[in-house]
């Protein structure tokens, strides 16, 4: 690994929340019980998540690179928006694609809808940094149109790899497109929400997208019901 590659790897690790590394050989072992490394409880503990998961996510990000696999890179996207949060999260949120603010900052759900998502997370007594947030598509479609089938086919394997690395207990699919894409269905979100689906080793709960709630605040009640179900699943597992 060159010095430039090492510097990029460490930079990305910092973005994922890593504050340091340990030379302890035990640190290289995957935490099969998803427990925290013993040194993490010390005041000078290096990090609080298994480094192997950080490495695995960094490898996925490196594989994506400055992606040119589909036409979106020619249609005005600024950068790839990979994902953000705790690589050891029990709860993962998946939306459809980055919007304008996300395209600028390179972080999913940072606009008005993202601010509402943060409040939804806090409503179940969690913090944004406790969960992992990603999208089916990693690049912004022009004018925020729905991703097209060839774009989904090209990009969703990277989402699958993120899910398989993180191994969340619960996945919340945000909005019609995200839920329909993950579940391979054309059922409307109004019929999908409130139900539990098995998905890549996790329980998947579809719900309304925060952007939809900004336009239809009366639907917040249904989302709150869905999030109470999420909280119940997390405490039971």
C-alpha atoms as a PDB file:
ATOM      1  CA  UNK A   1       0.000   0.000   0.000  1.00  0.00           C
ATOM      2  CA  UNK A   2       1.474   3.370  -1.009  1.00  0.00           C
ATOM      3  CA  UNK A   3       1.643   6.356   1.336  1.00  0.00           C
ATOM      4  CA  UNK A   4      -1.108   8.068  -0.667  1.00  0.00           C
ATOM      5  CA  UNK A   5      -3.366   4.993  -0.417  1.00  0.00           C
ATOM      6  CA  UNK A   6      -2.686   4.703   3.309  1.00  0.00           C
ATOM      7  CA  UNK A   7      -3.486   8.381   3.832  1.00  0.00           C
ATOM      8  CA  UNK A   8      -6.756   8.009   1.918  1.00  0.00           C
ATOM      9  CA  UNK A   9      -7.650   4.886   3.898  1.00  0.00           C
ATOM     10  CA  UNK A  10      -7.068   6.659   7.222  1.00  0.00           C
ATOM     11  CA  UNK A  11      -8.983   9.723   6.041  1.00  0.00           C
ATOM     12  CA  UNK A  12     -11.995   7.604   5.189  1.00  0.00           C
ATOM     13  CA  UNK A  13     -11.719   5.720   8.485  1.00  0.00           C
ATOM     14  CA  UNK A  14     -11.867   9.049  10.340  1.00  0.00           C
ATOM     15  CA  UNK A  15     -15.049   9.921   8.427  1.00  0.00           C
ATOM     16  CA  UNK A  16     -16.556   6.689   9.754  1.00  0.00           C
ATOM     17  CA  UNK A  17     -15.768   7.727  13.336  1.00  0.00           C
ATOM     18  CA  UNK A  18     -12.467   5.947  13.980  1.00  0.00           C
ATOM     19  CA  UNK A  19     -10.354   7.915  16.437  1.00  0.00           C
ATOM     20  CA  UNK A  20      -7.300   5.650  16.357  1.00  0.00           C
ATOM     21  CA  UNK A  21      -6.011   2.123  15.902  1.00  0.00           C
ATOM     22  CA  UNK A  22      -4.503  -0.543  18.144  1.00  0.00           C
ATOM     23  CA  UNK A  23      -1.542  -2.859  17.534  1.00  0.00           C
ATOM     24  CA  UNK A  24      -3.077  -5.470  19.820  1.00  0.00           C
ATOM     25  CA  UNK A  25      -3.404  -8.675  17.700  1.00  0.00           C
ATOM     26  CA  UNK A  26      -6.769  -9.369  19.336  1.00  0.00           C
ATOM     27  CA  UNK A  27      -8.105  -6.236  17.667  1.00  0.00           C
ATOM     28  CA  UNK A  28      -7.816  -7.917  14.266  1.00  0.00           C
ATOM     29  CA  UNK A  29     -10.321 -10.603  15.246  1.00  0.00           C
ATOM     30  CA  UNK A  30     -13.882 -10.004  14.106  1.00  0.00           C
ATOM     31  CA  UNK A  31     -16.242  -9.455  17.021  1.00  0.00           C
ATOM     32  CA  UNK A  32     -18.560 -12.371  16.360  1.00  0.00           C
ATOM     33  CA  UNK A  33     -20.877 -11.290  19.151  1.00  0.00           C
ATOM     34  CA  UNK A  34     -20.811  -7.693  17.837  1.00  0.00           C
ATOM     35  CA  UNK A  35     -19.305  -6.669  21.189  1.00  0.00           C
ATOM     36  CA  UNK A  36     -17.004  -3.715  21.666  1.00  0.00           C
ATOM     37  CA  UNK A  37     -13.242  -4.234  22.016  1.00  0.00           C
ATOM     38  CA  UNK A  38     -12.242  -4.383  25.726  1.00  0.00           C
ATOM     39  CA  UNK A  39      -9.970  -1.369  25.400  1.00  0.00           C
ATOM     40  CA  UNK A  40     -12.883   0.752  24.226  1.00  0.00           C
ATOM     41  CA  UNK A  41     -14.090   1.233  27.808  1.00  0.00           C
ATOM     42  CA  UNK A  42     -10.762   2.726  28.854  1.00  0.00           C
ATOM     43  CA  UNK A  43     -10.489   6.545  28.830  1.00  0.00           C
ATOM     44  CA  UNK A  44      -7.735   6.227  26.239  1.00  0.00           C
ATOM     45  CA  UNK A  45      -9.449   3.400  24.317  1.00  0.00           C
ATOM     46  CA  UNK A  46      -8.616   3.621  20.596  1.00  0.00           C
ATOM     47  CA  UNK A  47     -12.031   3.123  18.976  1.00  0.00           C
ATOM     48  CA  UNK A  48     -15.436   1.685  19.803  1.00  0.00           C
ATOM     49  CA  UNK A  49     -16.184  -0.459  16.750  1.00  0.00           C
ATOM     50  CA  UNK A  50     -14.459  -3.519  15.256  1.00  0.00           C
ATOM     51  CA  UNK A  51     -11.788  -2.274  12.892  1.00  0.00           C
ATOM     52  CA  UNK A  52     -12.481  -5.106  10.463  1.00  0.00           C
ATOM     53  CA  UNK A  53     -15.884  -3.635   9.627  1.00  0.00           C
ATOM     54  CA  UNK A  54     -14.315  -0.240   9.006  1.00  0.00           C
ATOM     55  CA  UNK A  55     -11.800  -1.915   6.713  1.00  0.00           C
ATOM     56  CA  UNK A  56     -14.553  -3.786   4.874  1.00  0.00           C
ATOM     57  CA  UNK A  57     -16.600  -0.636   4.282  1.00  0.00           C
ATOM     58  CA  UNK A  58     -13.470   1.210   3.211  1.00  0.00           C
ATOM     59  CA  UNK A  59     -12.847  -1.562   0.677  1.00  0.00           C
ATOM     60  CA  UNK A  60     -16.370  -1.171  -0.725  1.00  0.00           C
ATOM     61  CA  UNK A  61     -15.863   2.579  -1.002  1.00  0.00           C
ATOM     62  CA  UNK A  62     -12.523   2.058  -2.699  1.00  0.00           C
ATOM     63  CA  UNK A  63     -14.127  -0.315  -5.196  1.00  0.00           C
ATOM     64  CA  UNK A  64     -16.719   2.324  -6.098  1.00  0.00           C
ATOM     65  CA  UNK A  65     -14.024   4.944  -6.630  1.00  0.00           C
ATOM     66  CA  UNK A  66     -15.027   7.965  -8.714  1.00  0.00           C
ATOM     67  CA  UNK A  67     -17.650   5.772 -10.329  1.00  0.00           C
ATOM     68  CA  UNK A  68     -18.317   5.899 -14.080  1.00  0.00           C
ATOM     69  CA  UNK A  69     -20.230   2.601 -14.337  1.00  0.00           C
ATOM     70  CA  UNK A  70     -23.568   4.147 -15.298  1.00  0.00           C
ATOM     71  CA  UNK A  71     -24.658   7.301 -17.107  1.00  0.00           C
ATOM     72  CA  UNK A  72     -25.244   9.331 -13.925  1.00  0.00           C
ATOM     73  CA  UNK A  73     -21.611  10.434 -13.865  1.00  0.00           C
ATOM     74  CA  UNK A  74     -22.272  12.267 -17.153  1.00  0.00           C
ATOM     75  CA  UNK A  75     -25.518  13.894 -15.959  1.00  0.00           C
ATOM     76  CA  UNK A  76     -24.261  16.455 -13.488  1.00  0.00           C
ATOM     77  CA  UNK A  77     -23.537  14.551 -10.312  1.00  0.00           C
ATOM     78  CA  UNK A  78     -20.851  16.185  -8.167  1.00  0.00           C
ATOM     79  CA  UNK A  79     -19.604  13.158  -6.245  1.00  0.00           C
ATOM     80  CA  UNK A  80     -20.405   9.670  -5.004  1.00  0.00           C
ATOM     81  CA  UNK A  81     -22.476   9.692  -1.795  1.00  0.00           C
ATOM     82  CA  UNK A  82     -21.480   6.460  -0.084  1.00  0.00           C
ATOM     83  CA  UNK A  83     -23.024   6.241   3.373  1.00  0.00           C
ATOM     84  CA  UNK A  84     -22.471   7.470   6.901  1.00  0.00           C
ATOM     85  CA  UNK A  85     -22.841   6.294  10.467  1.00  0.00           C
ATOM     86  CA  UNK A  86     -21.896   3.444  12.768  1.00  0.00           C
ATOM     87  CA  UNK A  87     -20.472   0.441  10.847  1.00  0.00           C
ATOM     88  CA  UNK A  88     -21.628  -1.765  13.740  1.00  0.00           C
ATOM     89  CA  UNK A  89     -25.171  -0.365  13.756  1.00  0.00           C
ATOM     90  CA  UNK A  90     -28.177  -2.491  14.646  1.00  0.00           C
ATOM     91  CA  UNK A  91     -30.401  -0.088  12.700  1.00  0.00           C
ATOM     92  CA  UNK A  92     -29.864   0.971   9.090  1.00  0.00           C
ATOM     93  CA  UNK A  93     -31.872   3.424   6.975  1.00  0.00           C
ATOM     94  CA  UNK A  94     -31.940   3.106   3.187  1.00  0.00           C
ATOM     95  CA  UNK A  95     -33.295   5.813   0.893  1.00  0.00           C
ATOM     96  CA  UNK A  96     -33.464   5.976  -2.876  1.00  0.00           C
ATOM     97  CA  UNK A  97     -30.771   8.437  -4.017  1.00  0.00           C
ATOM     98  CA  UNK A  98     -28.903  11.592  -2.956  1.00  0.00           C
ATOM     99  CA  UNK A  99     -30.528  14.988  -3.413  1.00  0.00           C
ATOM    100  CA  UNK A 100     -28.917  18.316  -4.177  1.00  0.00           C
ATOM    101  CA  UNK A 101     -27.493  19.046  -0.720  1.00  0.00           C
ATOM    102  CA  UNK A 102     -26.293  15.464  -0.364  1.00  0.00           C
ATOM    103  CA  UNK A 103     -24.548  15.718  -3.738  1.00  0.00           C
ATOM    104  CA  UNK A 104     -22.697  18.810  -2.521  1.00  0.00           C
ATOM    105  CA  UNK A 105     -21.689  17.499   0.903  1.00  0.00           C
ATOM    106  CA  UNK A 106     -21.176  13.835  -0.011  1.00  0.00           C
ATOM    107  CA  UNK A 107     -23.317  12.726   2.953  1.00  0.00           C
ATOM    108  CA  UNK A 108     -26.791  11.131   2.701  1.00  0.00           C
ATOM    109  CA  UNK A 109     -29.822  12.851   4.250  1.00  0.00           C
ATOM    110  CA  UNK A 110     -28.410  16.246   5.190  1.00  0.00           C
ATOM    111  CA  UNK A 111     -31.088  18.493   3.665  1.00  0.00           C
ATOM    112  CA  UNK A 112     -34.525  19.260   5.117  1.00  0.00           C
ATOM    113  CA  UNK A 113     -35.578  15.622   4.781  1.00  0.00           C
ATOM    114  CA  UNK A 114     -32.386  14.594   6.522  1.00  0.00           C
ATOM    115  CA  UNK A 115     -33.074  16.945   9.412  1.00  0.00           C
ATOM    116  CA  UNK A 116     -36.484  15.347   9.808  1.00  0.00           C
ATOM    117  CA  UNK A 117     -34.898  11.881   9.660  1.00  0.00           C
ATOM    118  CA  UNK A 118     -32.628  12.908  12.537  1.00  0.00           C
ATOM    119  CA  UNK A 119     -35.705  13.867  14.591  1.00  0.00           C
ATOM    120  CA  UNK A 120     -37.316  10.519  13.744  1.00  0.00           C
ATOM    121  CA  UNK A 121     -34.206   8.697  14.969  1.00  0.00           C
ATOM    122  CA  UNK A 122     -34.157  10.746  18.156  1.00  0.00           C
ATOM    123  CA  UNK A 123     -37.832   9.964  18.716  1.00  0.00           C
ATOM    124  CA  UNK A 124     -36.896   6.338  19.401  1.00  0.00           C
ATOM    125  CA  UNK A 125     -34.175   7.461  21.824  1.00  0.00           C
ATOM    126  CA  UNK A 126     -31.258   6.937  19.463  1.00  0.00           C
ATOM    127  CA  UNK A 127     -28.770   9.324  17.888  1.00  0.00           C
ATOM    128  CA  UNK A 128     -27.888   9.712  14.246  1.00  0.00           C
ATOM    129  CA  UNK A 129     -24.374   8.428  14.944  1.00  0.00           C
ATOM    130  CA  UNK A 130     -25.875   5.217  16.391  1.00  0.00           C
ATOM    131  CA  UNK A 131     -27.338   4.163  13.024  1.00  0.00           C
ATOM    132  CA  UNK A 132     -26.076   3.767   9.463  1.00  0.00           C
ATOM    133  CA  UNK A 133     -27.633   5.704   6.574  1.00  0.00           C
ATOM    134  CA  UNK A 134     -27.250   4.946   2.876  1.00  0.00           C
ATOM    135  CA  UNK A 135     -29.097   5.015  -0.441  1.00  0.00           C
ATOM    136  CA  UNK A 136     -29.816   2.480  -3.150  1.00  0.00           C
ATOM    137  CA  UNK A 137     -28.153   4.810  -5.674  1.00  0.00           C
ATOM    138  CA  UNK A 138     -24.909   6.546  -4.759  1.00  0.00           C
ATOM    139  CA  UNK A 139     -25.115   9.415  -7.286  1.00  0.00           C
ATOM    140  CA  UNK A 140     -27.749  12.127  -7.661  1.00  0.00           C
ATOM    141  CA  UNK A 141     -30.078  11.661 -10.651  1.00  0.00           C
ATOM    142  CA  UNK A 142     -30.727  14.874 -12.610  1.00  0.00           C
ATOM    143  CA  UNK A 143     -33.557  17.004 -11.189  1.00  0.00           C
ATOM    144  CA  UNK A 144     -33.942  14.357  -8.454  1.00  0.00           C
ATOM    145  CA  UNK A 145     -35.808  12.038 -10.826  1.00  0.00           C
ATOM    146  CA  UNK A 146     -36.302   8.412  -9.805  1.00  0.00           C
ATOM    147  CA  UNK A 147     -33.307   6.202 -10.579  1.00  0.00           C
ATOM    148  CA  UNK A 148     -33.719   4.148 -13.745  1.00  0.00           C
ATOM    149  CA  UNK A 149     -33.523   0.367 -13.879  1.00  0.00           C
ATOM    150  CA  UNK A 150     -30.026   0.200 -15.395  1.00  0.00           C
ATOM    151  CA  UNK A 151     -28.750   2.608 -12.730  1.00  0.00           C
ATOM    152  CA  UNK A 152     -30.243   0.468  -9.962  1.00  0.00           C
ATOM    153  CA  UNK A 153     -28.839  -2.724 -11.458  1.00  0.00           C
ATOM    154  CA  UNK A 154     -25.374  -1.177 -11.597  1.00  0.00           C
ATOM    155  CA  UNK A 155     -25.360   0.426  -8.154  1.00  0.00           C
ATOM    156  CA  UNK A 156     -27.362  -1.764  -5.775  1.00  0.00           C
ATOM    157  CA  UNK A 157     -24.636  -4.461  -5.391  1.00  0.00           C
ATOM    158  CA  UNK A 158     -22.658  -1.871  -3.435  1.00  0.00           C
ATOM    159  CA  UNK A 159     -25.618  -1.376  -1.091  1.00  0.00           C
ATOM    160  CA  UNK A 160     -25.853  -5.154  -0.650  1.00  0.00           C
ATOM    161  CA  UNK A 161     -22.187  -5.218   0.343  1.00  0.00           C
ATOM    162  CA  UNK A 162     -22.756  -2.406   2.858  1.00  0.00           C
ATOM    163  CA  UNK A 163     -25.628  -4.342   4.418  1.00  0.00           C
ATOM    164  CA  UNK A 164     -23.609  -7.556   4.551  1.00  0.00           C
ATOM    165  CA  UNK A 165     -20.698  -5.791   6.268  1.00  0.00           C
ATOM    166  CA  UNK A 166     -22.830  -3.928   8.821  1.00  0.00           C
ATOM    167  CA  UNK A 167     -25.230  -6.820   9.489  1.00  0.00           C
ATOM    168  CA  UNK A 168     -27.985  -4.638  10.955  1.00  0.00           C
ATOM    169  CA  UNK A 169     -30.809  -6.206  12.901  1.00  0.00           C
ATOM    170  CA  UNK A 170     -33.383  -3.852  11.350  1.00  0.00           C
ATOM    171  CA  UNK A 171     -33.425  -1.999   8.021  1.00  0.00           C
ATOM    172  CA  UNK A 172     -35.871   0.864   7.463  1.00  0.00           C
ATOM    173  CA  UNK A 173     -36.615   1.383   3.766  1.00  0.00           C
ATOM    174  CA  UNK A 174     -37.498   5.044   3.292  1.00  0.00           C
ATOM    175  CA  UNK A 175     -40.113   5.771   0.664  1.00  0.00           C
ATOM    176  CA  UNK A 176     -41.798   4.076  -2.249  1.00  0.00           C
ATOM    177  CA  UNK A 177     -38.792   3.707  -4.489  1.00  0.00           C
ATOM    178  CA  UNK A 178     -36.404   2.441  -1.829  1.00  0.00           C
ATOM    179  CA  UNK A 179     -38.902  -0.110  -0.519  1.00  0.00           C
ATOM    180  CA  UNK A 180     -40.026  -1.304  -3.957  1.00  0.00           C
ATOM    181  CA  UNK A 181     -36.452  -1.666  -5.157  1.00  0.00           C
ATOM    182  CA  UNK A 182     -35.265  -3.655  -2.161  1.00  0.00           C
ATOM    183  CA  UNK A 183     -38.333  -5.892  -2.067  1.00  0.00           C
ATOM    184  CA  UNK A 184     -38.659  -6.315  -5.850  1.00  0.00           C
ATOM    185  CA  UNK A 185     -42.301  -5.331  -5.789  1.00  0.00           C
ATOM    186  CA  UNK A 186     -44.642  -2.769  -7.326  1.00  0.00           C
ATOM    187  CA  UNK A 187     -46.911  -2.604  -4.284  1.00  0.00           C
ATOM    188  CA  UNK A 188     -47.483   0.984  -3.117  1.00  0.00           C
ATOM    189  CA  UNK A 189     -45.730   2.153   0.019  1.00  0.00           C
ATOM    190  CA  UNK A 190     -49.124   2.612   1.677  1.00  0.00           C
ATOM    191  CA  UNK A 191     -49.568  -1.191   1.520  1.00  0.00           C
ATOM    192  CA  UNK A 192     -45.960  -2.074   2.322  1.00  0.00           C
ATOM    193  CA  UNK A 193     -45.553   0.053   5.440  1.00  0.00           C
ATOM    194  CA  UNK A 194     -46.461  -1.454   8.787  1.00  0.00           C
ATOM    195  CA  UNK A 195     -45.275  -4.890   7.675  1.00  0.00           C
ATOM    196  CA  UNK A 196     -42.106  -6.856   8.505  1.00  0.00           C
ATOM    197  CA  UNK A 197     -40.052  -8.468   5.752  1.00  0.00           C
ATOM    198  CA  UNK A 198     -37.019 -10.732   5.981  1.00  0.00           C
ATOM    199  CA  UNK A 199     -34.113  -9.198   4.092  1.00  0.00           C
ATOM    200  CA  UNK A 200     -30.465 -10.315   3.955  1.00  0.00           C
ATOM    201  CA  UNK A 201     -30.522 -11.489   7.562  1.00  0.00           C
ATOM    202  CA  UNK A 202     -32.369  -8.419   8.862  1.00  0.00           C
ATOM    203  CA  UNK A 203     -35.958  -7.360   9.501  1.00  0.00           C
ATOM    204  CA  UNK A 204     -36.984  -4.778   6.902  1.00  0.00           C
ATOM    205  CA  UNK A 205     -39.627  -2.169   7.712  1.00  0.00           C
ATOM    206  CA  UNK A 206     -40.841   0.093   4.876  1.00  0.00           C
ATOM    207  CA  UNK A 207     -42.115   3.541   5.808  1.00  0.00           C
ATOM    208  CA  UNK A 208     -42.778   6.926   4.230  1.00  0.00           C
ATOM    209  CA  UNK A 209     -39.814   8.995   3.101  1.00  0.00           C
ATOM    210  CA  UNK A 210     -39.085  12.087   5.226  1.00  0.00           C
ATOM    211  CA  UNK A 211     -39.444  14.244   2.100  1.00  0.00           C
ATOM    212  CA  UNK A 212     -42.995  12.909   1.734  1.00  0.00           C
ATOM    213  CA  UNK A 213     -43.694  13.853   5.353  1.00  0.00           C
ATOM    214  CA  UNK A 214     -42.593  17.421   4.660  1.00  0.00           C
ATOM    215  CA  UNK A 215     -45.346  17.595   2.035  1.00  0.00           C
ATOM    216  CA  UNK A 216     -47.851  15.490   3.982  1.00  0.00           C
ATOM    217  CA  UNK A 217     -47.308  16.065   7.711  1.00  0.00           C
ATOM    218  CA  UNK A 218     -50.520  14.196   8.540  1.00  0.00           C
ATOM    219  CA  UNK A 219     -48.672  10.939   7.703  1.00  0.00           C
ATOM    220  CA  UNK A 220     -46.272  11.394  10.599  1.00  0.00           C
ATOM    221  CA  UNK A 221     -48.588   9.278  12.728  1.00  0.00           C
ATOM    222  CA  UNK A 222     -48.045   6.253  10.476  1.00  0.00           C
ATOM    223  CA  UNK A 223     -44.279   6.753  10.532  1.00  0.00           C
ATOM    224  CA  UNK A 224     -44.345   6.957  14.323  1.00  0.00           C
ATOM    225  CA  UNK A 225     -46.216   3.647  14.399  1.00  0.00           C
ATOM    226  CA  UNK A 226     -43.583   2.137  12.108  1.00  0.00           C
ATOM    227  CA  UNK A 227     -40.760   3.425  14.288  1.00  0.00           C
ATOM    228  CA  UNK A 228     -42.378   2.000  17.415  1.00  0.00           C
ATOM    229  CA  UNK A 229     -42.304  -1.342  15.602  1.00  0.00           C
ATOM    230  CA  UNK A 230     -38.624  -0.776  14.813  1.00  0.00           C
ATOM    231  CA  UNK A 231     -37.887  -0.027  18.460  1.00  0.00           C
ATOM    232  CA  UNK A 232     -39.755  -3.165  19.526  1.00  0.00           C
ATOM    233  CA  UNK A 233     -37.733  -5.328  17.111  1.00  0.00           C
ATOM    234  CA  UNK A 234     -34.466  -3.836  18.313  1.00  0.00           C
ATOM    235  CA  UNK A 235     -35.241  -4.479  21.963  1.00  0.00           C
ATOM    236  CA  UNK A 236     -36.456  -8.026  21.318  1.00  0.00           C
ATOM    237  CA  UNK A 237     -33.446  -9.158  19.276  1.00  0.00           C
END
